[in-house]
């Protein structure tokens, strides 16, 4: 049970740190702003180059991985294991 917790925590902290870094670059218009990390993406996706588009896609992927990854290790896998042992 402890290894599932550590795996979920590692996913949460690693993906969360990656999302925070990318969101700080692309979703913060200025440090004096009160809407940091929740503003729309700064560069216009229509005029952005390949690396900016990849980083924006990676930012969205890391966000969902940080939410769903620990959920899989903390809820889904223990529930499946419990259901398999009870049957």
N, C-alpha and C. Protein backbone atom coordinates (compact mmCIF):
# COMPACT_ATOMS: atom_id res chain seq x y z
N UNK A 1 0.81 -1.19 0.00
CA UNK A 1 0.00 0.00 0.00
C UNK A 1 0.86 1.26 0.00
N UNK A 2 1.99 1.21 0.68
CA UNK A 2 2.85 2.39 0.76
C UNK A 2 3.46 2.72 -0.60
N UNK A 3 3.75 1.70 -1.40
CA UNK A 3 4.35 1.98 -2.70
C UNK A 3 3.37 2.68 -3.64
N UNK A 4 2.08 2.37 -3.56
CA UNK A 4 1.10 3.09 -4.37
C UNK A 4 1.00 4.55 -3.94
N UNK A 5 1.08 4.77 -2.63
CA UNK A 5 1.02 6.15 -2.15
C UNK A 5 2.21 6.95 -2.64
N UNK A 6 3.41 6.36 -2.58
CA UNK A 6 4.61 7.07 -3.02
C UNK A 6 4.59 7.31 -4.52
N UNK A 7 4.11 6.34 -5.29
CA UNK A 7 4.01 6.53 -6.74
C UNK A 7 3.04 7.66 -7.07
N UNK A 8 1.89 7.69 -6.41
CA UNK A 8 0.93 8.76 -6.64
C UNK A 8 1.47 10.11 -6.20
N UNK A 9 2.18 10.13 -5.08
CA UNK A 9 2.76 11.38 -4.60
C UNK A 9 3.85 11.87 -5.55
N UNK A 10 4.65 10.95 -6.08
CA UNK A 10 5.68 11.33 -7.04
C UNK A 10 5.08 11.89 -8.31
N UNK A 11 4.03 11.27 -8.80
CA UNK A 11 3.34 11.79 -9.99
C UNK A 11 2.76 13.16 -9.71
N UNK A 12 2.13 13.32 -8.55
CA UNK A 12 1.50 14.59 -8.20
C UNK A 12 2.53 15.71 -8.09
N UNK A 13 3.64 15.46 -7.40
CA UNK A 13 4.63 16.51 -7.23
C UNK A 13 5.41 16.79 -8.52
N UNK A 14 5.76 15.75 -9.26
CA UNK A 14 6.51 15.96 -10.50
C UNK A 14 5.69 16.66 -11.56
N UNK A 15 4.50 16.16 -11.80
CA UNK A 15 3.64 16.79 -12.81
C UNK A 15 3.16 18.16 -12.35
N UNK A 16 2.92 18.30 -11.05
CA UNK A 16 2.51 19.61 -10.53
C UNK A 16 3.61 20.64 -10.67
N UNK A 17 4.86 20.24 -10.42
CA UNK A 17 5.97 21.17 -10.59
C UNK A 17 6.14 21.56 -12.06
N UNK A 18 6.02 20.59 -12.95
CA UNK A 18 6.11 20.90 -14.38
C UNK A 18 5.00 21.85 -14.82
N UNK A 19 3.79 21.61 -14.33
CA UNK A 19 2.68 22.49 -14.68
C UNK A 19 2.90 23.89 -14.12
N UNK A 20 3.39 23.98 -12.88
CA UNK A 20 3.62 25.30 -12.29
C UNK A 20 4.66 26.10 -13.06
N UNK A 21 5.72 25.44 -13.49
CA UNK A 21 6.76 26.14 -14.26
C UNK A 21 6.19 26.65 -15.58
N UNK A 22 5.52 25.77 -16.32
CA UNK A 22 4.98 26.17 -17.61
C UNK A 22 3.85 27.19 -17.46
N UNK A 23 3.02 27.04 -16.45
CA UNK A 23 1.94 28.01 -16.23
C UNK A 23 2.52 29.36 -15.81
N UNK A 24 3.61 29.34 -15.07
CA UNK A 24 4.27 30.60 -14.71
C UNK A 24 4.79 31.33 -15.94
N UNK A 25 5.27 30.58 -16.93
CA UNK A 25 5.77 31.21 -18.16
C UNK A 25 4.65 31.66 -19.07
N UNK A 26 3.62 30.86 -19.21
CA UNK A 26 2.62 31.13 -20.23
C UNK A 26 1.31 31.72 -19.71
N UNK A 27 1.05 31.66 -18.42
CA UNK A 27 -0.22 32.15 -17.90
C UNK A 27 -0.07 33.32 -16.92
N UNK A 28 1.11 33.89 -16.82
CA UNK A 28 1.31 35.02 -15.93
C UNK A 28 1.65 36.24 -16.78
N UNK A 29 0.72 37.20 -16.89
CA UNK A 29 1.01 38.37 -17.73
C UNK A 29 2.08 39.27 -17.10
N UNK A 30 2.12 39.34 -15.78
CA UNK A 30 3.12 40.16 -15.09
C UNK A 30 3.06 39.84 -13.61
N UNK A 31 4.16 40.08 -12.93
CA UNK A 31 4.20 39.73 -11.52
C UNK A 31 3.39 40.68 -10.65
N UNK A 32 3.00 41.83 -11.18
CA UNK A 32 2.15 42.75 -10.42
C UNK A 32 0.68 42.39 -10.56
N UNK A 33 0.38 41.43 -11.42
CA UNK A 33 -1.01 41.02 -11.67
C UNK A 33 -1.54 40.18 -10.51
N UNK A 34 -2.82 40.28 -10.25
CA UNK A 34 -3.46 39.46 -9.22
C UNK A 34 -4.03 38.17 -9.80
N UNK A 35 -3.94 37.99 -11.12
CA UNK A 35 -4.48 36.80 -11.77
C UNK A 35 -3.36 35.92 -12.31
N UNK A 36 -2.39 35.63 -11.48
CA UNK A 36 -1.29 34.78 -11.91
C UNK A 36 -1.76 33.33 -11.96
N UNK A 37 -1.27 32.58 -12.93
CA UNK A 37 -1.53 31.16 -13.17
C UNK A 37 -2.95 30.84 -13.63
N UNK A 38 -3.85 31.82 -13.67
CA UNK A 38 -5.21 31.55 -14.11
C UNK A 38 -5.60 32.40 -15.32
N UNK A 39 -4.70 33.23 -15.79
CA UNK A 39 -4.98 34.05 -16.97
C UNK A 39 -4.96 33.16 -18.22
N UNK A 40 -5.56 33.63 -19.30
CA UNK A 40 -5.45 32.87 -20.54
C UNK A 40 -3.99 32.77 -20.99
N UNK A 41 -3.70 31.84 -21.85
CA UNK A 41 -2.33 31.63 -22.33
C UNK A 41 -1.85 32.90 -23.02
N UNK A 42 -0.64 33.35 -22.66
CA UNK A 42 -0.11 34.63 -23.14
C UNK A 42 0.10 34.69 -24.65
N UNK A 43 0.93 33.82 -25.24
CA UNK A 43 1.11 33.94 -26.69
C UNK A 43 -0.12 33.45 -27.43
N UNK A 44 -0.46 34.16 -28.45
CA UNK A 44 -1.60 33.77 -29.28
C UNK A 44 -1.25 32.46 -29.99
N UNK A 45 -2.06 31.40 -29.78
CA UNK A 45 -1.72 30.11 -30.41
C UNK A 45 -1.66 30.17 -31.94
N UNK A 46 -2.35 31.12 -32.55
CA UNK A 46 -2.32 31.22 -34.01
C UNK A 46 -0.97 31.73 -34.50
N UNK A 47 -0.30 32.56 -33.71
CA UNK A 47 0.99 33.11 -34.14
C UNK A 47 2.16 32.47 -33.41
N UNK A 48 1.92 31.49 -32.58
CA UNK A 48 2.99 30.87 -31.81
C UNK A 48 3.78 29.90 -32.67
N UNK A 49 5.05 29.72 -32.30
CA UNK A 49 5.87 28.76 -33.04
C UNK A 49 5.67 27.36 -32.46
N UNK A 50 6.39 26.41 -33.02
CA UNK A 50 6.21 25.01 -32.66
C UNK A 50 6.52 24.74 -31.19
N UNK A 51 7.60 25.32 -30.68
CA UNK A 51 7.98 25.05 -29.30
C UNK A 51 6.97 25.62 -28.30
N UNK A 52 6.41 26.79 -28.60
CA UNK A 52 5.38 27.33 -27.72
C UNK A 52 4.13 26.47 -27.74
N UNK A 53 3.75 25.98 -28.91
CA UNK A 53 2.57 25.11 -28.98
C UNK A 53 2.81 23.79 -28.26
N UNK A 54 4.03 23.24 -28.37
CA UNK A 54 4.35 22.01 -27.64
C UNK A 54 4.32 22.24 -26.13
N UNK A 55 4.84 23.38 -25.69
CA UNK A 55 4.85 23.67 -24.25
C UNK A 55 3.44 23.88 -23.72
N UNK A 56 2.59 24.52 -24.49
CA UNK A 56 1.20 24.74 -24.06
C UNK A 56 0.47 23.40 -24.00
N UNK A 57 0.69 22.54 -24.98
CA UNK A 57 0.09 21.20 -24.93
C UNK A 57 0.62 20.37 -23.78
N UNK A 58 1.94 20.46 -23.52
CA UNK A 58 2.52 19.76 -22.39
C UNK A 58 1.98 20.27 -21.08
N UNK A 59 1.74 21.57 -20.99
CA UNK A 59 1.18 22.15 -19.77
C UNK A 59 -0.20 21.57 -19.50
N UNK A 60 -1.03 21.48 -20.51
CA UNK A 60 -2.36 20.89 -20.32
C UNK A 60 -2.27 19.41 -19.98
N UNK A 61 -1.36 18.69 -20.62
CA UNK A 61 -1.18 17.27 -20.32
C UNK A 61 -0.68 17.04 -18.90
N UNK A 62 0.25 17.86 -18.44
CA UNK A 62 0.76 17.73 -17.08
C UNK A 62 -0.32 18.04 -16.04
N UNK A 63 -1.19 18.99 -16.36
CA UNK A 63 -2.28 19.31 -15.44
C UNK A 63 -3.18 18.10 -15.22
N UNK A 64 -3.58 17.46 -16.30
CA UNK A 64 -4.48 16.32 -16.18
C UNK A 64 -3.76 15.10 -15.61
N UNK A 65 -2.47 14.95 -15.93
CA UNK A 65 -1.69 13.85 -15.36
C UNK A 65 -1.52 14.04 -13.86
N UNK A 66 -1.36 15.30 -13.41
CA UNK A 66 -1.23 15.57 -11.98
C UNK A 66 -2.54 15.29 -11.24
N UNK A 67 -3.66 15.39 -11.92
CA UNK A 67 -4.95 15.10 -11.27
C UNK A 67 -5.33 13.63 -11.35
N UNK A 68 -5.18 13.03 -12.52
CA UNK A 68 -5.65 11.67 -12.73
C UNK A 68 -4.63 10.60 -12.33
N UNK A 69 -3.34 10.90 -12.38
CA UNK A 69 -2.32 9.94 -12.01
C UNK A 69 -2.40 9.49 -10.56
N UNK A 70 -2.40 10.42 -9.61
CA UNK A 70 -2.56 10.00 -8.21
C UNK A 70 -3.91 9.34 -7.94
N UNK A 71 -4.94 9.80 -8.62
CA UNK A 71 -6.26 9.18 -8.45
C UNK A 71 -6.21 7.71 -8.82
N UNK A 72 -5.47 7.38 -9.85
CA UNK A 72 -5.35 5.97 -10.25
C UNK A 72 -4.63 5.16 -9.18
N UNK A 73 -3.56 5.70 -8.62
CA UNK A 73 -2.80 4.94 -7.63
C UNK A 73 -3.44 4.95 -6.25
N UNK A 74 -4.18 6.01 -5.91
CA UNK A 74 -4.74 6.12 -4.56
C UNK A 74 -6.15 5.57 -4.45
N UNK A 75 -6.89 5.53 -5.57
CA UNK A 75 -8.29 5.11 -5.51
C UNK A 75 -8.56 3.89 -6.39
N UNK A 76 -8.21 3.98 -7.66
CA UNK A 76 -8.60 2.95 -8.62
C UNK A 76 -7.88 1.63 -8.35
N UNK A 77 -6.56 1.65 -8.26
CA UNK A 77 -5.82 0.40 -8.04
C UNK A 77 -6.17 -0.27 -6.71
N UNK A 78 -6.25 0.46 -5.59
CA UNK A 78 -6.69 -0.21 -4.36
C UNK A 78 -8.11 -0.75 -4.44
N UNK A 79 -9.01 -0.06 -5.14
CA UNK A 79 -10.38 -0.55 -5.27
C UNK A 79 -10.43 -1.82 -6.11
N UNK A 80 -9.65 -1.86 -7.18
CA UNK A 80 -9.60 -3.06 -8.02
C UNK A 80 -9.00 -4.22 -7.24
N UNK A 81 -7.94 -3.95 -6.49
CA UNK A 81 -7.31 -5.01 -5.70
C UNK A 81 -8.26 -5.51 -4.61
N UNK A 82 -9.01 -4.61 -3.98
CA UNK A 82 -9.97 -5.00 -2.95
C UNK A 82 -11.11 -5.82 -3.55
N UNK A 83 -11.58 -5.42 -4.73
CA UNK A 83 -12.65 -6.16 -5.39
C UNK A 83 -12.18 -7.54 -5.82
N UNK A 84 -10.94 -7.64 -6.27
CA UNK A 84 -10.41 -8.93 -6.68
C UNK A 84 -10.23 -9.86 -5.48
N UNK A 85 -9.81 -9.33 -4.33
CA UNK A 85 -9.63 -10.15 -3.14
C UNK A 85 -10.96 -10.57 -2.51
N UNK A 86 -11.99 -9.76 -2.65
CA UNK A 86 -13.28 -10.10 -2.05
C UNK A 86 -14.06 -11.10 -2.89
N UNK A 87 -13.75 -11.20 -4.16
CA UNK A 87 -14.49 -12.11 -5.03
C UNK A 87 -14.01 -13.53 -4.93
